[in-house]
Amino acid sequence: MIEIAMIQPRRQFLGTMAAALAAASTPVSAADAMTFGPLRSIDAGDLNVSYIDIGPKHGPVVILLHGWPYDIYSFADVAPALAAEGHRVIVPYLRGYGPTRFLSDSALRNGQPAALASDVIALMDALRIGTAVLAGFDWGARSADIVAALWPKRCKGLVSVSGYLIGNQAAGKQPLPPAAELSWWYQFYFATDRGRDGYAKYRREFAKLIWHTASPKWNFDDATFERSAAAFDNPDHVDIVVHNYRWRLGLAQGEARFDRLEAELALGPVIAVPTITMEGDANGAPHPQADAYRDRFSGKYEHRVSTGGIGHNLPQEAPHDFVQAVIDVGRW
């Protein structure tokens, strides 16, 4: 079930797709999830990106962006549903995940936000995609927000779980109340060599702990977890994750070529493209409240809350809600 700030008519899904998505809050096993392969790859910017590309070749494009510690299977039900509705759906593995690889062995394994967002633009350029609806959660929502803010002509519409996630290093250095600091425990863990070594040694156990705490009511099975956990075996995964969180605290440097972008992001740019922000009613991960970011969106806007115990990984836990948001924002 979804609570919507402004109710609009919904388009009726057809045939078996409706039946598959009606049980959005029901646990879906890896064996039962819809397939959405095969994997493709393309050189784009710093990376050889592995990605899914399904749906009509000339349909309106949707790019779905996953977060940490998740992977493209967060969209295992979302992507086929959107393809069935006539969209061309692109789902890339982010840098440091799955088969995506750096083209240069000497490249900095950089996890700063501007680098991740620039990967999206590089992929769009490589695939000759002029504009697309961007939709994501966690790291993916942040990259989608950045593209919408800095490259608005490339973003037809935005679906962002947990809303406006653009930050900067100066803000990251500001102390939070103790309860809020506690929820970021892993960020401080990664700031230490012990934390880096611990994540490298126990990345599966670590990820499963995050899944449970971020989505305390999501009853995923072992097969579903292992299907995604394979993406964390990427040789650059630990470096990217640790660099991302250290950069946020100002403990790691980024690359000079992204300084201009980060300076623009530090101003908290307003997003003008049509936007739907989303939140699960049982999100256990750190996230801002909706009223804290409403003024960061100046175009047509809705905020929607998925109810029934939906946690942080909203596309996988409530795929029907996520699909509907993408369809709706693409029509605005």
Protein backbone atom coordinates (compact mmCIF):
# COMPACT_ATOMS: atom_id res chain seq x y z
CA MET A 1 0.00 0.00 0.00
CA ILE A 2 1.21 3.51 -0.73
CA GLU A 3 0.29 6.86 0.78
CA ILE A 4 0.52 9.65 -1.81
CA ALA A 5 0.66 13.37 -1.16
CA MET A 6 -1.45 14.06 -4.27
CA ILE A 7 -3.55 11.19 -5.66
CA GLN A 8 -3.57 10.72 -9.43
CA PRO A 9 -5.37 8.11 -11.59
CA ARG A 10 -3.35 4.91 -11.96
CA ARG A 11 -2.90 3.01 -15.20
CA GLN A 12 -4.04 -0.57 -14.95
CA PHE A 13 -1.24 -3.11 -15.45
CA LEU A 14 -1.97 -5.95 -17.85
CA GLY A 15 -2.13 -9.73 -17.49
CA THR A 16 0.40 -11.56 -15.42
CA MET A 17 2.43 -8.43 -14.69
CA ALA A 18 -0.36 -7.14 -12.48
CA ALA A 19 -0.53 -10.42 -10.61
CA ALA A 20 3.23 -10.52 -10.16
CA LEU A 21 3.42 -7.04 -8.69
CA ALA A 22 0.24 -7.10 -6.63
CA ALA A 23 2.09 -8.93 -3.87
CA ALA A 24 4.69 -6.17 -3.56
CA SER A 25 5.17 -6.65 0.17
CA THR A 26 5.41 -10.45 -0.07
CA PRO A 27 8.96 -11.86 0.21
CA VAL A 28 10.23 -12.90 -3.23
CA SER A 29 12.79 -15.69 -3.46
CA ALA A 30 15.66 -15.59 -5.92
CA ALA A 31 14.19 -18.59 -7.72
CA ASP A 32 10.83 -16.85 -8.21
CA ALA A 33 12.13 -13.41 -9.24
CA MET A 34 11.74 -12.39 -12.85
CA THR A 35 14.89 -12.57 -14.94
CA PHE A 36 16.02 -9.44 -16.68
CA GLY A 37 19.23 -10.40 -18.46
CA PRO A 38 21.44 -10.85 -20.29
CA LEU A 39 24.28 -8.66 -19.10
CA ARG A 40 25.86 -6.34 -21.62
CA SER A 41 29.01 -4.23 -21.29
CA ILE A 42 30.31 -1.00 -22.76
CA ASP A 43 33.27 1.33 -22.22
CA ALA A 44 31.98 4.53 -20.64
CA GLY A 45 34.24 7.13 -19.07
CA ASP A 46 36.58 5.49 -16.57
CA LEU A 47 34.78 2.15 -16.68
CA ASN A 48 33.75 -0.86 -18.64
CA VAL A 49 30.18 -0.90 -17.34
CA SER A 50 28.13 -4.08 -17.04
CA TYR A 51 24.44 -3.39 -17.37
CA ILE A 52 21.00 -4.76 -18.21
CA ASP A 53 19.20 -3.27 -21.21
CA ILE A 54 15.64 -4.53 -21.73
CA GLY A 55 12.44 -3.28 -23.28
CA PRO A 56 11.74 -1.62 -26.64
CA LYS A 57 14.90 -0.14 -28.13
CA HIS A 58 13.14 3.11 -29.01
CA GLY A 59 10.97 3.32 -25.90
CA PRO A 60 11.33 6.14 -23.34
CA VAL A 61 14.47 5.41 -21.33
CA VAL A 62 14.57 4.70 -17.62
CA ILE A 63 17.90 4.28 -15.79
CA LEU A 64 17.70 2.45 -12.45
CA LEU A 65 20.53 2.99 -9.95
CA HIS A 66 21.21 0.71 -6.98
CA GLY A 67 22.80 1.53 -3.66
CA TRP A 68 25.17 0.02 -1.08
CA PRO A 69 25.29 -2.81 -0.15
CA TYR A 70 22.92 -3.90 -2.88
CA ASP A 71 23.11 -4.49 -6.63
CA ILE A 72 21.06 -4.58 -9.82
CA TYR A 73 18.76 -7.29 -8.41
CA SER A 74 17.05 -4.63 -6.33
CA PHE A 75 15.24 -4.02 -9.63
CA ALA A 76 14.57 -7.68 -10.52
CA ASP A 77 10.81 -7.07 -10.49
CA VAL A 78 10.82 -3.37 -11.36
CA ALA A 79 12.77 -3.59 -14.61
CA PRO A 80 10.62 -6.23 -16.37
CA ALA A 81 7.45 -4.43 -15.31
CA LEU A 82 8.66 -1.15 -16.80
CA ALA A 83 9.79 -2.93 -19.97
CA ALA A 84 6.33 -4.47 -20.28
CA GLU A 85 4.90 -0.94 -20.14
CA GLY A 86 7.00 0.10 -23.14
CA HIS A 87 10.10 1.56 -21.49
CA ARG A 88 13.68 0.87 -22.40
CA VAL A 89 15.22 0.03 -19.03
CA ILE A 90 18.94 0.35 -18.27
CA VAL A 91 20.25 -1.08 -14.97
CA PRO A 92 24.03 -0.67 -14.50
CA TYR A 93 26.32 -2.16 -11.90
CA LEU A 94 27.94 0.82 -10.19
CA ARG A 95 31.71 1.17 -10.01
CA GLY A 96 33.00 -1.44 -7.58
CA TYR A 97 30.09 -3.84 -8.10
CA GLY A 98 29.60 -6.99 -10.16
CA PRO A 99 31.48 -7.25 -13.47
CA THR A 100 31.93 -3.45 -13.87
CA ARG A 101 35.66 -2.71 -14.06
CA PHE A 102 38.00 0.27 -14.31
CA LEU A 103 39.67 0.63 -17.69
CA SER A 104 42.96 1.66 -16.04
CA ASP A 105 44.75 -0.21 -13.29
CA SER A 106 46.20 3.10 -12.07
CA ALA A 107 42.88 4.94 -11.73
CA LEU A 108 41.96 6.10 -8.24
CA ARG A 109 39.25 3.85 -6.84
CA ASN A 110 37.20 6.93 -6.16
CA GLY A 111 33.84 6.72 -4.43
CA GLN A 112 33.07 10.44 -4.17
CA PRO A 113 29.54 11.45 -5.19
CA ALA A 114 30.54 13.55 -8.21
CA ALA A 115 32.47 10.60 -9.65
CA LEU A 116 29.54 8.22 -9.28
CA ALA A 117 27.13 10.70 -10.86
CA SER A 118 29.56 11.37 -13.69
CA ASP A 119 29.51 7.63 -14.40
CA VAL A 120 25.80 7.96 -15.18
CA ILE A 121 26.43 10.73 -17.70
CA ALA A 122 29.30 8.75 -19.26
CA LEU A 123 27.05 5.71 -19.63
CA MET A 124 24.30 7.78 -21.23
CA ASP A 125 26.82 9.25 -23.65
CA ALA A 126 28.24 5.83 -24.51
CA LEU A 127 24.74 4.48 -25.18
CA ARG A 128 23.76 7.68 -27.05
CA ILE A 129 20.92 8.38 -24.67
CA GLY A 130 20.05 12.06 -24.60
CA THR A 131 17.57 12.08 -21.73
CA ALA A 132 16.06 9.54 -19.34
CA VAL A 133 13.99 9.18 -16.22
CA LEU A 134 16.44 8.45 -13.41
CA ALA A 135 15.31 6.40 -10.43
CA GLY A 136 17.25 5.00 -7.51
CA PHE A 137 17.79 4.52 -3.81
CA ASP A 138 20.71 4.99 -1.43
CA TRP A 139 23.88 5.76 -3.46
CA GLY A 140 21.79 5.45 -6.59
CA ALA A 141 19.32 8.11 -5.43
CA ARG A 142 22.20 10.44 -4.63
CA SER A 143 23.66 10.03 -8.13
CA ALA A 144 20.22 10.55 -9.68
CA ASP A 145 19.74 13.70 -7.58
CA ILE A 146 23.11 15.05 -8.72
CA VAL A 147 22.43 14.41 -12.39
CA ALA A 148 19.01 16.08 -12.05
CA ALA A 149 20.59 19.09 -10.34
CA LEU A 150 23.69 19.58 -12.51
CA TRP A 151 22.58 18.12 -15.85
CA PRO A 152 18.81 18.80 -15.86
CA LYS A 153 18.54 18.47 -19.66
CA ARG A 154 19.65 14.84 -19.33
CA CYS A 155 16.97 14.03 -16.75
CA LYS A 156 13.36 13.84 -17.92
CA GLY A 157 12.14 13.00 -14.43
CA LEU A 158 13.42 11.80 -11.07
CA VAL A 159 12.33 9.15 -8.58
CA SER A 160 14.45 9.38 -5.44
CA VAL A 161 14.05 7.19 -2.39
CA SER A 162 14.76 9.24 0.76
CA GLY A 163 14.56 12.42 -1.26
CA TYR A 164 17.33 14.99 -1.53
CA LEU A 165 20.64 13.30 -0.73
CA ILE A 166 23.11 15.82 -2.10
CA GLY A 167 25.73 16.61 0.53
CA ASN A 168 29.26 17.93 0.86
CA GLN A 169 32.37 17.46 2.97
CA ALA A 170 31.80 20.58 5.07
CA ALA A 171 28.38 19.32 6.13
CA GLY A 172 29.84 15.90 6.79
CA LYS A 173 32.20 17.35 9.37
CA GLN A 174 29.39 18.81 11.46
CA PRO A 175 28.54 16.80 14.60
CA LEU A 176 25.07 15.28 14.89
CA PRO A 177 23.03 14.40 17.99
CA PRO A 178 24.22 11.12 19.55
CA ALA A 179 21.31 9.02 18.28
CA ALA A 180 21.97 10.18 14.72
CA GLU A 181 25.69 9.53 15.05
CA LEU A 182 24.94 6.00 16.24
CA SER A 183 23.01 5.23 13.06
CA TRP A 184 26.14 6.10 11.03
CA TRP A 185 28.34 3.65 12.96
CA TYR A 186 29.69 2.01 9.80
CA GLN A 187 30.92 5.34 8.44
CA PHE A 188 33.18 5.73 11.45
CA TYR A 189 34.19 2.06 11.29
CA PHE A 190 35.33 2.55 7.70
CA ALA A 191 37.41 5.53 8.80
CA THR A 192 39.84 3.12 10.46
CA ASP A 193 42.22 0.55 9.00
CA ARG A 194 40.59 -2.02 11.26
CA GLY A 195 37.25 -1.19 9.66
CA ARG A 196 38.61 -1.51 6.15
CA ASP A 197 40.17 -4.86 6.96
CA GLY A 198 37.00 -5.99 8.69
CA TYR A 199 34.86 -5.13 5.71
CA ALA A 200 37.26 -6.90 3.35
CA LYS A 201 37.15 -10.03 5.51
CA TYR A 202 33.44 -10.04 6.38
CA ARG A 203 31.80 -8.22 3.48
CA ARG A 204 28.93 -10.74 3.20
CA GLU A 205 28.25 -10.74 6.93
CA PHE A 206 28.49 -6.97 6.93
CA ALA A 207 26.06 -6.59 4.04
CA LYS A 208 23.55 -8.98 5.56
CA LEU A 209 23.64 -7.02 8.82
CA ILE A 210 22.92 -3.80 6.91
CA TRP A 211 20.06 -5.45 5.03
CA HIS A 212 18.48 -6.53 8.32
CA THR A 213 18.93 -3.20 10.11
CA ALA A 214 17.94 -1.04 7.12
CA SER A 215 14.87 -3.18 6.36
CA PRO A 216 13.90 -4.79 9.68
CA LYS A 217 10.60 -6.18 8.36
CA TRP A 218 11.85 -7.52 5.03
CA ASN A 219 11.92 -11.32 5.17
CA PHE A 220 14.40 -11.97 2.36
CA ASP A 221 15.75 -15.51 2.00
CA ASP A 222 19.36 -16.67 1.74
CA ALA A 223 19.15 -17.23 -2.01
CA THR A 224 17.97 -13.66 -2.57
CA PHE A 225 20.84 -12.31 -0.48
CA GLU A 226 23.51 -14.49 -2.09
CA ARG A 227 22.37 -13.51 -5.57
CA SER A 228 23.23 -9.89 -4.75
CA ALA A 229 26.21 -10.61 -2.51
CA ALA A 230 28.13 -11.97 -5.49
CA ALA A 231 28.40 -8.36 -6.72
CA PHE A 232 30.55 -7.48 -3.70
CA ASP A 233 33.32 -9.81 -4.92
CA ASN A 234 34.38 -7.11 -7.38
CA PRO A 235 38.11 -6.46 -6.73
CA ASP A 236 37.49 -2.71 -6.36
CA HIS A 237 34.45 -3.00 -4.10
CA VAL A 238 36.13 -2.49 -0.73
CA ASP A 239 38.26 0.41 -1.97
CA ILE A 240 35.24 2.19 -3.48
CA VAL A 241 33.06 1.75 -0.39
CA VAL A 242 35.74 2.83 2.06
CA HIS A 243 36.75 5.81 -0.07
CA ASN A 244 33.11 6.92 -0.33
CA TYR A 245 32.58 7.10 3.41
CA ARG A 246 36.02 8.50 4.19
CA TRP A 247 35.48 11.22 1.56
CA ARG A 248 32.24 12.24 3.25
CA LEU A 249 34.11 12.89 6.50
CA GLY A 250 36.94 14.72 4.75
CA LEU A 251 39.36 11.89 5.52
CA ALA A 252 40.08 11.06 1.88
CA GLN A 253 40.68 13.30 -1.10
CA GLY A 254 38.76 13.11 -4.33
CA GLU A 255 40.04 13.99 -7.77
CA ALA A 256 40.69 17.57 -8.87
CA ARG A 257 38.68 17.10 -12.06
CA PHE A 258 35.54 16.85 -9.90
CA ASP A 259 36.27 19.94 -7.79
CA ARG A 260 33.99 22.21 -9.83
CA LEU A 261 31.11 19.79 -9.57
CA GLU A 262 31.58 19.33 -5.84
CA ALA A 263 31.67 23.11 -5.39
CA GLU A 264 28.30 23.38 -7.14
CA LEU A 265 26.88 20.56 -5.04
CA ALA A 266 28.09 22.22 -1.83
CA LEU A 267 25.65 25.07 -2.57
CA GLY A 268 22.70 22.69 -2.30
CA PRO A 269 21.34 23.22 -5.83
CA VAL A 270 17.58 23.14 -6.27
CA ILE A 271 16.22 20.37 -8.51
CA ALA A 272 13.72 21.66 -11.08
CA VAL A 273 12.88 18.47 -13.01
CA PRO A 274 9.61 16.63 -12.22
CA THR A 275 10.24 14.57 -9.10
CA ILE A 276 8.63 11.93 -6.94
CA THR A 277 10.42 11.26 -3.66
CA MET A 278 9.64 8.06 -1.80
CA GLU A 279 10.11 6.55 1.63
CA GLY A 280 9.35 3.23 3.24
CA ASP A 281 7.45 3.33 6.52
CA ALA A 282 10.00 0.99 8.13
CA ASN A 283 13.26 2.40 6.77
CA GLY A 284 15.89 1.60 9.38
CA ALA A 285 18.76 3.33 7.57
CA PRO A 286 19.78 6.93 8.25
CA HIS A 287 17.61 9.21 6.13
CA PRO A 288 16.25 12.76 6.20
CA GLN A 289 12.61 13.50 6.94
CA ALA A 290 10.54 14.59 3.94
CA ASP A 291 9.79 18.07 5.27
CA ALA A 292 13.52 18.73 5.53
CA TYR A 293 14.04 18.62 1.77
CA ARG A 294 10.74 19.77 0.24
CA ASP A 295 12.17 23.16 -0.68
CA ARG A 296 14.99 21.51 -2.66
CA PHE A 297 12.51 20.64 -5.42
CA SER A 298 11.01 23.47 -7.45
CA GLY A 299 9.24 21.57 -10.26
CA LYS A 300 6.19 19.34 -10.16
CA TYR A 301 6.57 17.22 -7.07
CA GLU A 302 5.03 14.50 -4.92
CA HIS A 303 6.20 12.63 -1.86
CA ARG A 304 4.95 9.07 -1.44
CA VAL A 305 5.23 6.71 1.52
CA SER A 306 5.11 2.95 0.95
CA THR A 307 3.43 1.29 3.91
CA GLY A 308 3.26 -2.24 5.27
CA GLY A 309 6.74 -2.54 6.75
CA ILE A 310 8.75 -1.32 3.75
CA GLY A 311 12.39 -0.63 4.48
CA HIS A 312 15.39 0.96 2.81
CA ASN A 313 15.53 -1.20 -0.32
CA LEU A 314 12.18 0.10 -1.52
CA PRO A 315 12.36 -1.05 -5.18
CA GLN A 316 12.83 -4.67 -4.14
CA GLU A 317 10.45 -4.57 -1.18
CA ALA A 318 7.66 -2.57 -2.86
CA PRO A 319 8.23 -2.94 -6.62
CA HIS A 320 4.67 -2.01 -7.59
CA ASP A 321 4.96 1.35 -5.82
CA PHE A 322 8.33 2.06 -7.41
CA VAL A 323 7.14 1.10 -10.90
CA GLN A 324 4.10 3.33 -10.57
CA ALA A 325 6.24 6.28 -9.48
CA VAL A 326 8.51 5.90 -12.50
CA ILE A 327 5.54 5.66 -14.86
CA ASP A 328 3.82 8.67 -13.29
CA VAL A 329 6.84 10.98 -13.29
CA GLY A 330 7.60 10.03 -16.89
CA ARG A 331 4.15 11.30 -17.92
CA TRP A 332 4.46 14.70 -16.27
